[in-house]
Amino acid sequence: MLSRLLFGASGSAANSDHLIGALVLTIAIIATAEVARPLRFVNILFGCWLIAAPWLLRGATWHSAIVDVAFGIALIMTSLPRGVRSREHYASWDRYIV
């Protein structure tokens, strides 16, 4: 969200980073609830956009492009499911918990 200040990004690239950063944080907070865990897959799409955006939008600097790609890869990796589900059960919601 701070690419404009830290890396000198401007225009649509900086606006994209700001918007995607806010959306990633929102989805990550909502996905902490176990019944809303499938929402974390939306962050994979946002990670893919972060990787592609510096080359599709104007205003990205070399440094902001590297940071976008690194954070996009990190976001994808942290959004993939790991481990086992908790032993708690959620009645009819059980089939939706990933």
PDB file of N, CA and C in Angstrom:
ATOM      1  N   MET A   1       0.810  -1.194   0.000  1.00  0.00           N
ATOM      2  CA  MET A   1       0.000   0.000   0.000  1.00  0.00           C
ATOM      3  C   MET A   1       0.855   1.261   0.000  1.00  0.00           C
ATOM      4  N   LEU A   2       2.119   1.125   0.313  1.00  0.00           N
ATOM      5  CA  LEU A   2       2.987   2.296   0.408  1.00  0.00           C
ATOM      6  C   LEU A   2       3.961   2.409  -0.761  1.00  0.00           C
ATOM      7  N   SER A   3       3.663   1.774  -1.870  1.00  0.00           N
ATOM      8  CA  SER A   3       4.609   1.796  -2.991  1.00  0.00           C
ATOM      9  C   SER A   3       4.853   3.197  -3.523  1.00  0.00           C
ATOM     10  N   ARG A   4       3.858   4.045  -3.449  1.00  0.00           N
ATOM     11  CA  ARG A   4       4.030   5.429  -3.916  1.00  0.00           C
ATOM     12  C   ARG A   4       5.067   6.158  -3.060  1.00  0.00           C
ATOM     13  N   LEU A   5       5.014   5.956  -1.762  1.00  0.00           N
ATOM     14  CA  LEU A   5       5.935   6.659  -0.864  1.00  0.00           C
ATOM     15  C   LEU A   5       7.309   6.014  -0.815  1.00  0.00           C
ATOM     16  N   LEU A   6       7.354   4.683  -0.758  1.00  0.00           N
ATOM     17  CA  LEU A   6       8.631   4.004  -0.573  1.00  0.00           C
ATOM     18  C   LEU A   6       9.424   3.799  -1.861  1.00  0.00           C
ATOM     19  N   PHE A   7       8.735   3.553  -2.976  1.00  0.00           N
ATOM     20  CA  PHE A   7       9.434   3.168  -4.201  1.00  0.00           C
ATOM     21  C   PHE A   7       9.205   4.112  -5.365  1.00  0.00           C
ATOM     22  N   GLY A   8       8.475   5.173  -5.158  1.00  0.00           N
ATOM     23  CA  GLY A   8       8.280   6.168  -6.199  1.00  0.00           C
ATOM     24  C   GLY A   8       7.332   5.760  -7.306  1.00  0.00           C
ATOM     25  N   ALA A   9       6.506   4.767  -7.055  1.00  0.00           N
ATOM     26  CA  ALA A   9       5.517   4.371  -8.066  1.00  0.00           C
ATOM     27  C   ALA A   9       4.511   5.493  -8.243  1.00  0.00           C
ATOM     28  N   SER A  10       3.936   5.562  -9.421  1.00  0.00           N
ATOM     29  CA  SER A  10       2.968   6.628  -9.675  1.00  0.00           C
ATOM     30  C   SER A  10       1.866   6.099 -10.578  1.00  0.00           C
ATOM     31  N   GLY A  11       0.868   6.903 -10.773  1.00  0.00           N
ATOM     32  CA  GLY A  11      -0.200   6.581 -11.709  1.00  0.00           C
ATOM     33  C   GLY A  11      -0.992   5.348 -11.338  1.00  0.00           C
ATOM     34  N   SER A  12      -1.387   4.614 -12.353  1.00  0.00           N
ATOM     35  CA  SER A  12      -2.264   3.465 -12.142  1.00  0.00           C
ATOM     36  C   SER A  12      -1.566   2.324 -11.399  1.00  0.00           C
ATOM     37  N   ALA A  13      -0.261   2.196 -11.519  1.00  0.00           N
ATOM     38  CA  ALA A  13       0.457   1.154 -10.780  1.00  0.00           C
ATOM     39  C   ALA A  13       0.379   1.404  -9.278  1.00  0.00           C
ATOM     40  N   ALA A  14       0.582   2.635  -8.856  1.00  0.00           N
ATOM     41  CA  ALA A  14       0.500   2.967  -7.437  1.00  0.00           C
ATOM     42  C   ALA A  14      -0.937   2.827  -6.927  1.00  0.00           C
ATOM     43  N   ASN A  15      -1.897   3.244  -7.734  1.00  0.00           N
ATOM     44  CA  ASN A  15      -3.295   3.102  -7.340  1.00  0.00           C
ATOM     45  C   ASN A  15      -3.681   1.632  -7.202  1.00  0.00           C
ATOM     46  N   SER A  16      -3.193   0.802  -8.109  1.00  0.00           N
ATOM     47  CA  SER A  16      -3.467  -0.631  -8.048  1.00  0.00           C
ATOM     48  C   SER A  16      -2.878  -1.237  -6.780  1.00  0.00           C
ATOM     49  N   ASP A  17      -1.630  -0.897  -6.458  1.00  0.00           N
ATOM     50  CA  ASP A  17      -0.995  -1.419  -5.250  1.00  0.00           C
ATOM     51  C   ASP A  17      -1.768  -1.004  -4.006  1.00  0.00           C
ATOM     52  N   HIS A  18      -2.222   0.224  -3.980  1.00  0.00           N
ATOM     53  CA  HIS A  18      -2.969   0.714  -2.819  1.00  0.00           C
ATOM     54  C   HIS A  18      -4.293  -0.038  -2.669  1.00  0.00           C
ATOM     55  N   LEU A  19      -5.020  -0.206  -3.749  1.00  0.00           N
ATOM     56  CA  LEU A  19      -6.311  -0.898  -3.713  1.00  0.00           C
ATOM     57  C   LEU A  19      -6.144  -2.371  -3.374  1.00  0.00           C
ATOM     58  N   ILE A  20      -5.209  -3.046  -4.028  1.00  0.00           N
ATOM     59  CA  ILE A  20      -5.004  -4.471  -3.782  1.00  0.00           C
ATOM     60  C   ILE A  20      -4.515  -4.701  -2.353  1.00  0.00           C
ATOM     61  N   GLY A  21      -3.669  -3.825  -1.836  1.00  0.00           N
ATOM     62  CA  GLY A  21      -3.211  -3.954  -0.457  1.00  0.00           C
ATOM     63  C   GLY A  21      -4.360  -3.905   0.535  1.00  0.00           C
ATOM     64  N   ALA A  22      -5.270  -2.977   0.336  1.00  0.00           N
ATOM     65  CA  ALA A  22      -6.432  -2.871   1.227  1.00  0.00           C
ATOM     66  C   ALA A  22      -7.331  -4.101   1.099  1.00  0.00           C
ATOM     67  N   LEU A  23      -7.532  -4.582  -0.116  1.00  0.00           N
ATOM     68  CA  LEU A  23      -8.376  -5.761  -0.320  1.00  0.00           C
ATOM     69  C   LEU A  23      -7.749  -7.020   0.280  1.00  0.00           C
ATOM     70  N   VAL A  24      -6.433  -7.165   0.135  1.00  0.00           N
ATOM     71  CA  VAL A  24      -5.742  -8.327   0.706  1.00  0.00           C
ATOM     72  C   VAL A  24      -5.896  -8.335   2.222  1.00  0.00           C
ATOM     73  N   LEU A  25      -5.693  -7.201   2.856  1.00  0.00           N
ATOM     74  CA  LEU A  25      -5.847  -7.137   4.310  1.00  0.00           C
ATOM     75  C   LEU A  25      -7.272  -7.459   4.739  1.00  0.00           C
ATOM     76  N   THR A  26      -8.241  -6.951   4.027  1.00  0.00           N
ATOM     77  CA  THR A  26      -9.643  -7.210   4.359  1.00  0.00           C
ATOM     78  C   THR A  26      -9.969  -8.693   4.239  1.00  0.00           C
ATOM     79  N   ILE A  27      -9.580  -9.308   3.132  1.00  0.00           N
ATOM     80  CA  ILE A  27      -9.857 -10.731   2.919  1.00  0.00           C
ATOM     81  C   ILE A  27      -9.115 -11.579   3.949  1.00  0.00           C
ATOM     82  N   ALA A  28      -7.880 -11.236   4.263  1.00  0.00           N
ATOM     83  CA  ALA A  28      -7.107 -12.008   5.234  1.00  0.00           C
ATOM     84  C   ALA A  28      -7.753 -11.969   6.617  1.00  0.00           C
ATOM     85  N   ILE A  29      -8.266 -10.825   6.999  1.00  0.00           N
ATOM     86  CA  ILE A  29      -8.909 -10.719   8.311  1.00  0.00           C
ATOM     87  C   ILE A  29     -10.216 -11.508   8.332  1.00  0.00           C
ATOM     88  N   ILE A  30     -11.001 -11.418   7.273  1.00  0.00           N
ATOM     89  CA  ILE A  30     -12.257 -12.171   7.225  1.00  0.00           C
ATOM     90  C   ILE A  30     -11.980 -13.670   7.206  1.00  0.00           C
ATOM     91  N   ALA A  31     -10.927 -14.108   6.521  1.00  0.00           N
ATOM     92  CA  ALA A  31     -10.626 -15.526   6.381  1.00  0.00           C
ATOM     93  C   ALA A  31     -10.067 -16.151   7.652  1.00  0.00           C
ATOM     94  N   THR A  32      -9.838 -15.375   8.694  1.00  0.00           N
ATOM     95  CA  THR A  32      -9.381 -15.971   9.948  1.00  0.00           C
ATOM     96  C   THR A  32     -10.476 -16.784  10.618  1.00  0.00           C
ATOM     97  N   ALA A  33     -11.731 -16.496  10.324  1.00  0.00           N
ATOM     98  CA  ALA A  33     -12.827 -17.325  10.820  1.00  0.00           C
ATOM     99  C   ALA A  33     -12.821 -18.627  10.034  1.00  0.00           C
ATOM    100  N   GLU A  34     -12.899 -19.744  10.721  1.00  0.00           N
ATOM    101  CA  GLU A  34     -12.741 -21.022  10.025  1.00  0.00           C
ATOM    102  C   GLU A  34     -13.816 -21.263   8.980  1.00  0.00           C
ATOM    103  N   VAL A  35     -15.025 -20.815   9.223  1.00  0.00           N
ATOM    104  CA  VAL A  35     -16.073 -21.029   8.215  1.00  0.00           C
ATOM    105  C   VAL A  35     -15.868 -20.142   6.994  1.00  0.00           C
ATOM    106  N   ALA A  36     -15.043 -19.106   7.104  1.00  0.00           N
ATOM    107  CA  ALA A  36     -14.765 -18.220   5.973  1.00  0.00           C
ATOM    108  C   ALA A  36     -13.395 -18.495   5.360  1.00  0.00           C
ATOM    109  N   ARG A  37     -12.768 -19.592   5.726  1.00  0.00           N
ATOM    110  CA  ARG A  37     -11.423 -19.896   5.220  1.00  0.00           C
ATOM    111  C   ARG A  37     -11.330 -19.983   3.705  1.00  0.00           C
ATOM    112  N   PRO A  38     -12.349 -20.447   2.991  1.00  0.00           N
ATOM    113  CA  PRO A  38     -12.227 -20.492   1.530  1.00  0.00           C
ATOM    114  C   PRO A  38     -11.986 -19.124   0.893  1.00  0.00           C
ATOM    115  N   LEU A  39     -12.277 -18.056   1.610  1.00  0.00           N
ATOM    116  CA  LEU A  39     -12.019 -16.714   1.062  1.00  0.00           C
ATOM    117  C   LEU A  39     -10.536 -16.464   0.817  1.00  0.00           C
ATOM    118  N   ARG A  40      -9.684 -17.232   1.480  1.00  0.00           N
ATOM    119  CA  ARG A  40      -8.249 -17.010   1.282  1.00  0.00           C
ATOM    120  C   ARG A  40      -7.834 -17.290  -0.151  1.00  0.00           C
ATOM    121  N   PHE A  41      -8.634 -18.070  -0.894  1.00  0.00           N
ATOM    122  CA  PHE A  41      -8.316 -18.337  -2.289  1.00  0.00           C
ATOM    123  C   PHE A  41      -8.462 -17.080  -3.143  1.00  0.00           C
ATOM    124  N   VAL A  42      -9.234 -16.123  -2.688  1.00  0.00           N
ATOM    125  CA  VAL A  42      -9.341 -14.840  -3.386  1.00  0.00           C
ATOM    126  C   VAL A  42      -7.991 -14.133  -3.342  1.00  0.00           C
ATOM    127  N   ASN A  43      -7.266 -14.297  -2.240  1.00  0.00           N
ATOM    128  CA  ASN A  43      -5.941 -13.683  -2.133  1.00  0.00           C
ATOM    129  C   ASN A  43      -4.956 -14.271  -3.138  1.00  0.00           C
ATOM    130  N   ILE A  44      -5.184 -15.495  -3.595  1.00  0.00           N
ATOM    131  CA  ILE A  44      -4.335 -16.063  -4.645  1.00  0.00           C
ATOM    132  C   ILE A  44      -4.520 -15.262  -5.935  1.00  0.00           C
ATOM    133  N   LEU A  45      -5.752 -14.900  -6.225  1.00  0.00           N
ATOM    134  CA  LEU A  45      -6.012 -14.069  -7.411  1.00  0.00           C
ATOM    135  C   LEU A  45      -5.348 -12.700  -7.270  1.00  0.00           C
ATOM    136  N   PHE A  46      -5.424 -12.124  -6.070  1.00  0.00           N
ATOM    137  CA  PHE A  46      -4.774 -10.836  -5.845  1.00  0.00           C
ATOM    138  C   PHE A  46      -3.259 -10.967  -5.974  1.00  0.00           C
ATOM    139  N   GLY A  47      -2.686 -12.090  -5.524  1.00  0.00           N
ATOM    140  CA  GLY A  47      -1.252 -12.328  -5.686  1.00  0.00           C
ATOM    141  C   GLY A  47      -0.850 -12.417  -7.146  1.00  0.00           C
ATOM    142  N   CYS A  48      -1.682 -13.081  -7.950  1.00  0.00           N
ATOM    143  CA  CYS A  48      -1.418 -13.156  -9.395  1.00  0.00           C
ATOM    144  C   CYS A  48      -1.469 -11.761 -10.018  1.00  0.00           C
ATOM    145  N   TRP A  49      -2.411 -10.945  -9.560  1.00  0.00           N
ATOM    146  CA  TRP A  49      -2.496  -9.584 -10.089  1.00  0.00           C
ATOM    147  C   TRP A  49      -1.261  -8.774  -9.692  1.00  0.00           C
ATOM    148  N   LEU A  50      -0.783  -8.933  -8.455  1.00  0.00           N
ATOM    149  CA  LEU A  50       0.417  -8.207  -8.036  1.00  0.00           C
ATOM    150  C   LEU A  50       1.616  -8.576  -8.897  1.00  0.00           C
ATOM    151  N   ILE A  51       1.705  -9.835  -9.304  1.00  0.00           N
ATOM    152  CA  ILE A  51       2.817 -10.267 -10.150  1.00  0.00           C
ATOM    153  C   ILE A  51       2.703  -9.656 -11.546  1.00  0.00           C
ATOM    154  N   ALA A  52       1.501  -9.570 -12.080  1.00  0.00           N
ATOM    155  CA  ALA A  52       1.306  -9.089 -13.450  1.00  0.00           C
ATOM    156  C   ALA A  52       1.203  -7.572 -13.571  1.00  0.00           C
ATOM    157  N   ALA A  53       0.735  -6.902 -12.542  1.00  0.00           N
ATOM    158  CA  ALA A  53       0.421  -5.468 -12.619  1.00  0.00           C
ATOM    159  C   ALA A  53       1.578  -4.570 -13.048  1.00  0.00           C
ATOM    160  N   PRO A  54       2.810  -4.780 -12.570  1.00  0.00           N
ATOM    161  CA  PRO A  54       3.882  -3.853 -12.974  1.00  0.00           C
ATOM    162  C   PRO A  54       4.120  -3.819 -14.486  1.00  0.00           C
ATOM    163  N   TRP A  55       3.798  -4.906 -15.171  1.00  0.00           N
ATOM    164  CA  TRP A  55       4.017  -4.952 -16.612  1.00  0.00           C
ATOM    165  C   TRP A  55       2.782  -4.557 -17.410  1.00  0.00           C
ATOM    166  N   LEU A  56       1.641  -4.501 -16.742  1.00  0.00           N
ATOM    167  CA  LEU A  56       0.407  -4.137 -17.426  1.00  0.00           C
ATOM    168  C   LEU A  56      -0.003  -2.678 -17.210  1.00  0.00           C
ATOM    169  N   LEU A  57       0.467  -2.095 -16.130  1.00  0.00           N
ATOM    170  CA  LEU A  57       0.071  -0.729 -15.779  1.00  0.00           C
ATOM    171  C   LEU A  57       1.263   0.214 -15.860  1.00  0.00           C
ATOM    172  N   ARG A  58       0.988   1.457 -16.133  1.00  0.00           N
ATOM    173  CA  ARG A  58       2.051   2.467 -16.189  1.00  0.00           C
ATOM    174  C   ARG A  58       2.313   3.048 -14.811  1.00  0.00           C
ATOM    175  N   GLY A  59       3.541   3.464 -14.610  1.00  0.00           N
ATOM    176  CA  GLY A  59       3.903   4.150 -13.379  1.00  0.00           C
ATOM    177  C   GLY A  59       4.722   3.334 -12.402  1.00  0.00           C
ATOM    178  N   ALA A  60       4.958   2.053 -12.693  1.00  0.00           N
ATOM    179  CA  ALA A  60       5.750   1.216 -11.793  1.00  0.00           C
ATOM    180  C   ALA A  60       7.237   1.489 -12.003  1.00  0.00           C
ATOM    181  N   THR A  61       7.971   1.580 -10.921  1.00  0.00           N
ATOM    182  CA  THR A  61       9.425   1.696 -10.999  1.00  0.00           C
ATOM    183  C   THR A  61      10.027   0.297 -10.933  1.00  0.00           C
ATOM    184  N   TRP A  62      11.311   0.216 -11.185  1.00  0.00           N
ATOM    185  CA  TRP A  62      11.995  -1.073 -11.144  1.00  0.00           C
ATOM    186  C   TRP A  62      11.893  -1.689  -9.745  1.00  0.00           C
ATOM    187  N   HIS A  63      12.083  -0.868  -8.715  1.00  0.00           N
ATOM    188  CA  HIS A  63      12.022  -1.360  -7.338  1.00  0.00           C
ATOM    189  C   HIS A  63      10.611  -1.802  -6.966  1.00  0.00           C
ATOM    190  N   SER A  64       9.617  -1.023  -7.353  1.00  0.00           N
ATOM    191  CA  SER A  64       8.246  -1.397  -7.009  1.00  0.00           C
ATOM    192  C   SER A  64       7.822  -2.664  -7.744  1.00  0.00           C
ATOM    193  N   ALA A  65       8.337  -2.875  -8.950  1.00  0.00           N
ATOM    194  CA  ALA A  65       8.016  -4.098  -9.691  1.00  0.00           C
ATOM    195  C   ALA A  65       8.584  -5.325  -8.988  1.00  0.00           C
ATOM    196  N   ILE A  66       9.807  -5.235  -8.511  1.00  0.00           N
ATOM    197  CA  ILE A  66      10.431  -6.351  -7.791  1.00  0.00           C
ATOM    198  C   ILE A  66       9.663  -6.649  -6.508  1.00  0.00           C
ATOM    199  N   VAL A  67       9.295  -5.610  -5.782  1.00  0.00           N
ATOM    200  CA  VAL A  67       8.550  -5.793  -4.536  1.00  0.00           C
ATOM    201  C   VAL A  67       7.172  -6.378  -4.820  1.00  0.00           C
ATOM    202  N   ASP A  68       6.505  -5.919  -5.868  1.00  0.00           N
ATOM    203  CA  ASP A  68       5.195  -6.468  -6.230  1.00  0.00           C
ATOM    204  C   ASP A  68       5.286  -7.953  -6.543  1.00  0.00           C
ATOM    205  N   VAL A  69       6.276  -8.356  -7.306  1.00  0.00           N
ATOM    206  CA  VAL A  69       6.442  -9.774  -7.646  1.00  0.00           C
ATOM    207  C   VAL A  69       6.744 -10.587  -6.390  1.00  0.00           C
ATOM    208  N   ALA A  70       7.627 -10.097  -5.539  1.00  0.00           N
ATOM    209  CA  ALA A  70       7.977 -10.819  -4.310  1.00  0.00           C
ATOM    210  C   ALA A  70       6.765 -10.964  -3.393  1.00  0.00           C
ATOM    211  N   PHE A  71       6.024  -9.880  -3.201  1.00  0.00           N
ATOM    212  CA  PHE A  71       4.843  -9.956  -2.342  1.00  0.00           C
ATOM    213  C   PHE A  71       3.736 -10.776  -2.976  1.00  0.00           C
ATOM    214  N   GLY A  72       3.621 -10.761  -4.302  1.00  0.00           N
ATOM    215  CA  GLY A  72       2.636 -11.592  -4.980  1.00  0.00           C
ATOM    216  C   GLY A  72       2.910 -13.069  -4.760  1.00  0.00           C
ATOM    217  N   ILE A  73       4.173 -13.467  -4.897  1.00  0.00           N
ATOM    218  CA  ILE A  73       4.553 -14.864  -4.665  1.00  0.00           C
ATOM    219  C   ILE A  73       4.327 -15.238  -3.203  1.00  0.00           C
ATOM    220  N   ALA A  74       4.721 -14.359  -2.288  1.00  0.00           N
ATOM    221  CA  ALA A  74       4.521 -14.629  -0.861  1.00  0.00           C
ATOM    222  C   ALA A  74       3.036 -14.738  -0.520  1.00  0.00           C
ATOM    223  N   LEU A  75       2.219 -13.890  -1.115  1.00  0.00           N
ATOM    224  CA  LEU A  75       0.781 -13.934  -0.860  1.00  0.00           C
ATOM    225  C   LEU A  75       0.174 -15.240  -1.361  1.00  0.00           C
ATOM    226  N   ILE A  76       0.596 -15.687  -2.527  1.00  0.00           N
ATOM    227  CA  ILE A  76       0.096 -16.956  -3.054  1.00  0.00           C
ATOM    228  C   ILE A  76       0.512 -18.107  -2.151  1.00  0.00           C
ATOM    229  N   MET A  77       1.760 -18.117  -1.734  1.00  0.00           N
ATOM    230  CA  MET A  77       2.262 -19.206  -0.886  1.00  0.00           C
ATOM    231  C   MET A  77       1.557 -19.247   0.469  1.00  0.00           C
ATOM    232  N   THR A  78       1.277 -18.103   1.054  1.00  0.00           N
ATOM    233  CA  THR A  78       0.622 -18.087   2.365  1.00  0.00           C
ATOM    234  C   THR A  78      -0.884 -18.320   2.265  1.00  0.00           C
ATOM    235  N   SER A  79      -1.448 -18.254   1.077  1.00  0.00           N
ATOM    236  CA  SER A  79      -2.886 -18.483   0.919  1.00  0.00           C
ATOM    237  C   SER A  79      -3.229 -19.938   0.638  1.00  0.00           C
ATOM    238  N   LEU A  80      -2.231 -20.740   0.331  1.00  0.00           N
ATOM    239  CA  LEU A  80      -2.487 -22.155   0.059  1.00  0.00           C
ATOM    240  C   LEU A  80      -2.748 -22.888   1.370  1.00  0.00           C
ATOM    241  N   PRO A  81      -3.672 -23.864   1.360  1.00  0.00           N
ATOM    242  CA  PRO A  81      -3.987 -24.582   2.594  1.00  0.00           C
ATOM    243  C   PRO A  81      -2.813 -25.446   3.051  1.00  0.00           C
ATOM    244  N   ARG A  82      -2.603 -25.449   4.354  1.00  0.00           N
ATOM    245  CA  ARG A  82      -1.564 -26.280   4.960  1.00  0.00           C
ATOM    246  C   ARG A  82      -2.148 -26.921   6.209  1.00  0.00           C
ATOM    247  N   GLY A  83      -1.634 -28.071   6.561  1.00  0.00           N
ATOM    248  CA  GLY A  83      -2.041 -28.705   7.805  1.00  0.00           C
ATOM    249  C   GLY A  83      -3.415 -29.340   7.731  1.00  0.00           C
ATOM    250  N   VAL A  84      -3.941 -29.625   8.899  1.00  0.00           N
ATOM    251  CA  VAL A  84      -5.243 -30.281   8.998  1.00  0.00           C
ATOM    252  C   VAL A  84      -6.255 -29.331   9.614  1.00  0.00           C
ATOM    253  N   ARG A  85      -7.508 -29.609   9.322  1.00  0.00           N
ATOM    254  CA  ARG A  85      -8.595 -28.828   9.917  1.00  0.00           C
ATOM    255  C   ARG A  85      -8.694 -29.097  11.390  1.00  0.00           C
ATOM    256  N   SER A  86      -9.313 -28.198  12.101  1.00  0.00           N
ATOM    257  CA  SER A  86      -9.534 -28.432  13.524  1.00  0.00           C
ATOM    258  C   SER A  86     -10.535 -29.560  13.696  1.00  0.00           C
ATOM    259  N   ARG A  87     -10.605 -30.107  14.871  1.00  0.00           N
ATOM    260  CA  ARG A  87     -11.498 -31.240  15.116  1.00  0.00           C
ATOM    261  C   ARG A  87     -12.925 -30.795  15.401  1.00  0.00           C
ATOM    262  N   GLU A  88     -13.136 -29.513  15.458  1.00  0.00           N
ATOM    263  CA  GLU A  88     -14.482 -29.011  15.682  1.00  0.00           C
ATOM    264  C   GLU A  88     -15.317 -29.225  14.428  1.00  0.00           C
ATOM    265  N   HIS A  89     -16.599 -29.341  14.618  1.00  0.00           N
ATOM    266  CA  HIS A  89     -17.493 -29.547  13.491  1.00  0.00           C
ATOM    267  C   HIS A  89     -18.529 -28.440  13.459  1.00  0.00           C
ATOM    268  N   TYR A  90     -18.969 -28.113  12.261  1.00  0.00           N
ATOM    269  CA  TYR A  90     -19.830 -26.962  12.061  1.00  0.00           C
ATOM    270  C   TYR A  90     -21.144 -27.324  11.391  1.00  0.00           C
ATOM    271  N   ALA A  91     -21.676 -28.491  11.717  1.00  0.00           N
ATOM    272  CA  ALA A  91     -22.980 -28.945  11.228  1.00  0.00           C
ATOM    273  C   ALA A  91     -23.072 -28.827   9.703  1.00  0.00           C
ATOM    274  N   SER A  92     -24.016 -28.072   9.188  1.00  0.00           N
ATOM    275  CA  SER A  92     -24.216 -28.006   7.742  1.00  0.00           C
ATOM    276  C   SER A  92     -23.117 -27.211   7.030  1.00  0.00           C
ATOM    277  N   TRP A  93     -22.326 -26.441   7.780  1.00  0.00           N
ATOM    278  CA  TRP A  93     -21.232 -25.670   7.177  1.00  0.00           C
ATOM    279  C   TRP A  93     -20.010 -26.539   6.912  1.00  0.00           C
ATOM    280  N   ASP A  94     -19.974 -27.742   7.464  1.00  0.00           N
ATOM    281  CA  ASP A  94     -18.794 -28.601   7.365  1.00  0.00           C
ATOM    282  C   ASP A  94     -18.330 -28.816   5.928  1.00  0.00           C
ATOM    283  N   ARG A  95     -19.231 -28.931   4.999  1.00  0.00           N
ATOM    284  CA  ARG A  95     -18.834 -29.202   3.614  1.00  0.00           C
ATOM    285  C   ARG A  95     -18.165 -27.999   2.948  1.00  0.00           C
ATOM    286  N   TYR A  96     -18.342 -26.806   3.507  1.00  0.00           N
ATOM    287  CA  TYR A  96     -17.746 -25.602   2.916  1.00  0.00           C
ATOM    288  C   TYR A  96     -16.381 -25.263   3.485  1.00  0.00           C
ATOM    289  N   ILE A  97     -16.002 -25.892   4.572  1.00  0.00           N
ATOM    290  CA  ILE A  97     -14.729 -25.584   5.222  1.00  0.00           C
ATOM    291  C   ILE A  97     -13.624 -26.332   4.506  1.00  0.00           C
ATOM    292  N   VAL A  98     -12.650 -25.594   4.009  1.00  0.00           N
ATOM    293  CA  VAL A  98     -11.554 -26.177   3.236  1.00  0.00           C
ATOM    294  C   VAL A  98     -10.310 -26.257   4.081  1.00  0.00           C
TER     295      VAL A  98
END
